[in-house]
């Protein structure tokens, strides 16, 4: 007679990385939309009234923004996930990896814009800390899914 038992070590239908990608897609898109519409867009329009159509929101900008968000979600999930496999996974490590992703994306972006006189210190003072929080939370999401998977398998 064969006994069927439940094996709690079976694999999930969704890998931790894909689950983190999905969660980060939702988190980062919400964060980006909030930051842009509430802070960056009005501040950029106020700082550069002489530029026609500064910080617009139309179809072509939306399409480019979609590409930006896709690359950002992949970067914010992939870099910390790879670093966790290579250097170890903990909440502290996730914060460091999120900070690294933030520096690689947002610090370079905003410093470049500032260097070309296309951003003000006021915009940087708002955009950079908010982007840091966004990237750290994205790395913590990746860590959480990776940790839950290890606990489930153990």
C-alpha atoms as a PDB file:
ATOM      1  CA  UNK A   1       0.000   0.000   0.000  1.00  0.00           C
ATOM      2  CA  UNK A   2       1.318   3.465  -0.937  1.00  0.00           C
ATOM      3  CA  UNK A   3       0.966   6.415   1.388  1.00  0.00           C
ATOM      4  CA  UNK A   4       0.764   9.856  -0.141  1.00  0.00           C
ATOM      5  CA  UNK A   5       2.304  12.524   2.023  1.00  0.00           C
ATOM      6  CA  UNK A   6       2.591  16.245   1.557  1.00  0.00           C
ATOM      7  CA  UNK A   7       6.108  17.398   0.778  1.00  0.00           C
ATOM      8  CA  UNK A   8       6.593  20.946   2.080  1.00  0.00           C
ATOM      9  CA  UNK A   9       9.885  21.145   0.189  1.00  0.00           C
ATOM     10  CA  UNK A  10       8.272  21.240  -3.241  1.00  0.00           C
ATOM     11  CA  UNK A  11       9.115  24.141  -5.443  1.00  0.00           C
ATOM     12  CA  UNK A  12       6.839  27.113  -5.789  1.00  0.00           C
ATOM     13  CA  UNK A  13       5.291  27.749  -9.198  1.00  0.00           C
ATOM     14  CA  UNK A  14       6.933  31.192  -9.147  1.00  0.00           C
ATOM     15  CA  UNK A  15      10.629  31.606  -8.396  1.00  0.00           C
ATOM     16  CA  UNK A  16      11.617  34.086  -5.670  1.00  0.00           C
ATOM     17  CA  UNK A  17      13.261  36.282  -8.306  1.00  0.00           C
ATOM     18  CA  UNK A  18      10.098  36.441 -10.448  1.00  0.00           C
ATOM     19  CA  UNK A  19       7.985  37.097  -7.337  1.00  0.00           C
ATOM     20  CA  UNK A  20      10.379  39.919  -6.375  1.00  0.00           C
ATOM     21  CA  UNK A  21      10.178  41.302  -9.925  1.00  0.00           C
ATOM     22  CA  UNK A  22       6.385  41.381  -9.763  1.00  0.00           C
ATOM     23  CA  UNK A  23       6.336  42.987  -6.307  1.00  0.00           C
ATOM     24  CA  UNK A  24       9.004  45.510  -7.325  1.00  0.00           C
ATOM     25  CA  UNK A  25       7.129  46.309 -10.534  1.00  0.00           C
ATOM     26  CA  UNK A  26       4.135  47.355  -8.440  1.00  0.00           C
ATOM     27  CA  UNK A  27       6.217  49.139  -5.776  1.00  0.00           C
ATOM     28  CA  UNK A  28       8.552  51.023  -8.118  1.00  0.00           C
ATOM     29  CA  UNK A  29       5.828  52.138 -10.521  1.00  0.00           C
ATOM     30  CA  UNK A  30       3.725  53.472  -7.636  1.00  0.00           C
ATOM     31  CA  UNK A  31       6.759  55.199  -6.125  1.00  0.00           C
ATOM     32  CA  UNK A  32       7.900  56.698  -9.433  1.00  0.00           C
ATOM     33  CA  UNK A  33       4.436  58.045 -10.285  1.00  0.00           C
ATOM     34  CA  UNK A  34       4.027  59.525  -6.793  1.00  0.00           C
ATOM     35  CA  UNK A  35       7.469  61.164  -6.760  1.00  0.00           C
ATOM     36  CA  UNK A  36       7.126  62.532 -10.275  1.00  0.00           C
ATOM     37  CA  UNK A  37       3.615  63.973 -10.071  1.00  0.00           C
ATOM     38  CA  UNK A  38       3.741  65.237  -6.489  1.00  0.00           C
ATOM     39  CA  UNK A  39       7.303  66.584  -6.369  1.00  0.00           C
ATOM     40  CA  UNK A  40       9.526  66.431  -9.448  1.00  0.00           C
ATOM     41  CA  UNK A  41       7.147  67.637 -12.166  1.00  0.00           C
ATOM     42  CA  UNK A  42       5.916  70.736 -10.272  1.00  0.00           C
ATOM     43  CA  UNK A  43       9.427  71.554  -9.041  1.00  0.00           C
ATOM     44  CA  UNK A  44      10.943  71.226 -12.532  1.00  0.00           C
ATOM     45  CA  UNK A  45       8.189  73.394 -14.036  1.00  0.00           C
ATOM     46  CA  UNK A  46       8.745  75.993 -11.336  1.00  0.00           C
ATOM     47  CA  UNK A  47      12.535  75.939 -11.776  1.00  0.00           C
ATOM     48  CA  UNK A  48      12.467  76.122 -15.578  1.00  0.00           C
ATOM     49  CA  UNK A  49       9.460  78.246 -16.617  1.00  0.00           C
ATOM     50  CA  UNK A  50      11.421  79.553 -19.607  1.00  0.00           C
ATOM     51  CA  UNK A  51      11.546  76.064 -21.165  1.00  0.00           C
ATOM     52  CA  UNK A  52       8.466  75.269 -23.201  1.00  0.00           C
ATOM     53  CA  UNK A  53       6.780  71.986 -22.269  1.00  0.00           C
ATOM     54  CA  UNK A  54       9.207  71.125 -19.458  1.00  0.00           C
ATOM     55  CA  UNK A  55       8.314  67.895 -17.626  1.00  0.00           C
ATOM     56  CA  UNK A  56       5.470  67.021 -19.998  1.00  0.00           C
ATOM     57  CA  UNK A  57       3.205  64.011 -19.755  1.00  0.00           C
ATOM     58  CA  UNK A  58       2.142  62.844 -23.190  1.00  0.00           C
ATOM     59  CA  UNK A  59       2.196  59.569 -25.141  1.00  0.00           C
ATOM     60  CA  UNK A  60       5.851  59.728 -26.205  1.00  0.00           C
ATOM     61  CA  UNK A  61       6.975  60.588 -22.667  1.00  0.00           C
ATOM     62  CA  UNK A  62       4.754  57.822 -21.282  1.00  0.00           C
ATOM     63  CA  UNK A  63       6.354  55.314 -23.684  1.00  0.00           C
ATOM     64  CA  UNK A  64       9.873  56.354 -22.656  1.00  0.00           C
ATOM     65  CA  UNK A  65       8.833  56.306 -19.003  1.00  0.00           C
ATOM     66  CA  UNK A  66       7.578  52.737 -19.488  1.00  0.00           C
ATOM     67  CA  UNK A  67      10.999  51.727 -20.824  1.00  0.00           C
ATOM     68  CA  UNK A  68      12.697  53.563 -17.938  1.00  0.00           C
ATOM     69  CA  UNK A  69      10.519  51.823 -15.341  1.00  0.00           C
ATOM     70  CA  UNK A  70      11.111  48.411 -16.914  1.00  0.00           C
ATOM     71  CA  UNK A  71      14.886  48.902 -16.853  1.00  0.00           C
ATOM     72  CA  UNK A  72      14.655  50.305 -13.321  1.00  0.00           C
ATOM     73  CA  UNK A  73      12.636  47.332 -12.014  1.00  0.00           C
ATOM     74  CA  UNK A  74      15.063  44.876 -13.607  1.00  0.00           C
ATOM     75  CA  UNK A  75      18.073  46.749 -12.213  1.00  0.00           C
ATOM     76  CA  UNK A  76      16.571  47.215  -8.743  1.00  0.00           C
ATOM     77  CA  UNK A  77      15.780  43.503  -8.523  1.00  0.00           C
ATOM     78  CA  UNK A  78      18.650  41.912 -10.438  1.00  0.00           C
ATOM     79  CA  UNK A  79      21.611  43.775  -8.893  1.00  0.00           C
ATOM     80  CA  UNK A  80      20.623  43.127  -5.256  1.00  0.00           C
ATOM     81  CA  UNK A  81      19.653  39.516  -6.054  1.00  0.00           C
ATOM     82  CA  UNK A  82      23.033  38.853  -7.668  1.00  0.00           C
ATOM     83  CA  UNK A  83      24.864  40.580  -4.814  1.00  0.00           C
ATOM     84  CA  UNK A  84      22.949  38.483  -2.270  1.00  0.00           C
ATOM     85  CA  UNK A  85      24.051  35.292  -3.997  1.00  0.00           C
ATOM     86  CA  UNK A  86      27.654  36.472  -4.180  1.00  0.00           C
ATOM     87  CA  UNK A  87      28.158  38.322  -0.881  1.00  0.00           C
ATOM     88  CA  UNK A  88      25.352  37.048   1.337  1.00  0.00           C
ATOM     89  CA  UNK A  89      21.803  37.975   2.176  1.00  0.00           C
ATOM     90  CA  UNK A  90      20.618  39.884   5.217  1.00  0.00           C
ATOM     91  CA  UNK A  91      18.522  42.980   5.791  1.00  0.00           C
ATOM     92  CA  UNK A  92      21.682  45.052   6.287  1.00  0.00           C
ATOM     93  CA  UNK A  93      23.182  43.657   3.089  1.00  0.00           C
ATOM     94  CA  UNK A  94      19.928  44.401   1.238  1.00  0.00           C
ATOM     95  CA  UNK A  95      20.109  48.033   2.376  1.00  0.00           C
ATOM     96  CA  UNK A  96      23.698  48.230   1.109  1.00  0.00           C
ATOM     97  CA  UNK A  97      22.760  46.601  -2.215  1.00  0.00           C
ATOM     98  CA  UNK A  98      19.784  48.941  -2.591  1.00  0.00           C
ATOM     99  CA  UNK A  99      22.104  51.869  -1.917  1.00  0.00           C
ATOM    100  CA  UNK A 100      24.443  50.592  -4.631  1.00  0.00           C
ATOM    101  CA  UNK A 101      21.570  50.333  -7.125  1.00  0.00           C
ATOM    102  CA  UNK A 102      20.471  53.860  -6.128  1.00  0.00           C
ATOM    103  CA  UNK A 103      23.969  55.213  -6.748  1.00  0.00           C
ATOM    104  CA  UNK A 104      24.267  53.396 -10.081  1.00  0.00           C
ATOM    105  CA  UNK A 105      20.956  54.759 -11.354  1.00  0.00           C
ATOM    106  CA  UNK A 106      19.708  57.856  -9.572  1.00  0.00           C
ATOM    107  CA  UNK A 107      22.848  59.549  -8.289  1.00  0.00           C
ATOM    108  CA  UNK A 108      24.412  59.363 -11.741  1.00  0.00           C
ATOM    109  CA  UNK A 109      21.171  60.548 -13.399  1.00  0.00           C
ATOM    110  CA  UNK A 110      20.569  63.511 -11.110  1.00  0.00           C
ATOM    111  CA  UNK A 111      24.217  64.578 -10.887  1.00  0.00           C
ATOM    112  CA  UNK A 112      24.400  64.522 -14.681  1.00  0.00           C
ATOM    113  CA  UNK A 113      21.242  66.624 -14.935  1.00  0.00           C
ATOM    114  CA  UNK A 114      22.538  69.002 -12.254  1.00  0.00           C
ATOM    115  CA  UNK A 115      25.903  69.286 -14.006  1.00  0.00           C
ATOM    116  CA  UNK A 116      24.104  70.351 -17.207  1.00  0.00           C
ATOM    117  CA  UNK A 117      21.975  72.885 -15.270  1.00  0.00           C
ATOM    118  CA  UNK A 118      18.860  70.775 -15.879  1.00  0.00           C
ATOM    119  CA  UNK A 119      18.116  70.184 -12.192  1.00  0.00           C
ATOM    120  CA  UNK A 120      18.218  72.363  -9.113  1.00  0.00           C
ATOM    121  CA  UNK A 121      19.522  71.605  -5.639  1.00  0.00           C
ATOM    122  CA  UNK A 122      15.921  71.729  -4.380  1.00  0.00           C
ATOM    123  CA  UNK A 123      14.915  68.979  -6.822  1.00  0.00           C
ATOM    124  CA  UNK A 124      17.969  66.905  -5.854  1.00  0.00           C
ATOM    125  CA  UNK A 125      17.184  67.383  -2.157  1.00  0.00           C
ATOM    126  CA  UNK A 126      13.755  65.792  -2.710  1.00  0.00           C
ATOM    127  CA  UNK A 127      14.346  63.350  -5.577  1.00  0.00           C
ATOM    128  CA  UNK A 128      17.526  61.660  -4.328  1.00  0.00           C
ATOM    129  CA  UNK A 129      16.361  60.694  -0.812  1.00  0.00           C
ATOM    130  CA  UNK A 130      13.000  59.491  -2.150  1.00  0.00           C
ATOM    131  CA  UNK A 131      14.757  57.440  -4.838  1.00  0.00           C
ATOM    132  CA  UNK A 132      17.078  55.983  -2.174  1.00  0.00           C
ATOM    133  CA  UNK A 133      14.075  54.833  -0.144  1.00  0.00           C
ATOM    134  CA  UNK A 134      12.582  53.345  -3.318  1.00  0.00           C
ATOM    135  CA  UNK A 135      15.729  51.360  -4.154  1.00  0.00           C
ATOM    136  CA  UNK A 136      16.309  50.178  -0.583  1.00  0.00           C
ATOM    137  CA  UNK A 137      12.726  48.928  -0.308  1.00  0.00           C
ATOM    138  CA  UNK A 138      13.117  47.184  -3.693  1.00  0.00           C
ATOM    139  CA  UNK A 139      16.269  45.434  -2.421  1.00  0.00           C
ATOM    140  CA  UNK A 140      14.508  44.482   0.812  1.00  0.00           C
ATOM    141  CA  UNK A 141      11.662  43.009  -1.263  1.00  0.00           C
ATOM    142  CA  UNK A 142      14.181  40.910  -3.214  1.00  0.00           C
ATOM    143  CA  UNK A 143      15.812  39.822   0.073  1.00  0.00           C
ATOM    144  CA  UNK A 144      12.448  38.950   1.625  1.00  0.00           C
ATOM    145  CA  UNK A 145      11.443  36.695  -1.269  1.00  0.00           C
ATOM    146  CA  UNK A 146      14.880  35.048  -1.346  1.00  0.00           C
ATOM    147  CA  UNK A 147      14.780  34.459   2.426  1.00  0.00           C
ATOM    148  CA  UNK A 148      11.261  33.034   2.370  1.00  0.00           C
ATOM    149  CA  UNK A 149      12.320  30.609  -0.351  1.00  0.00           C
ATOM    150  CA  UNK A 150      15.296  29.417   1.722  1.00  0.00           C
ATOM    151  CA  UNK A 151      13.071  28.978   4.800  1.00  0.00           C
ATOM    152  CA  UNK A 152      10.528  27.016   2.770  1.00  0.00           C
ATOM    153  CA  UNK A 153      13.193  24.647   1.414  1.00  0.00           C
ATOM    154  CA  UNK A 154      14.986  24.150   4.769  1.00  0.00           C
END
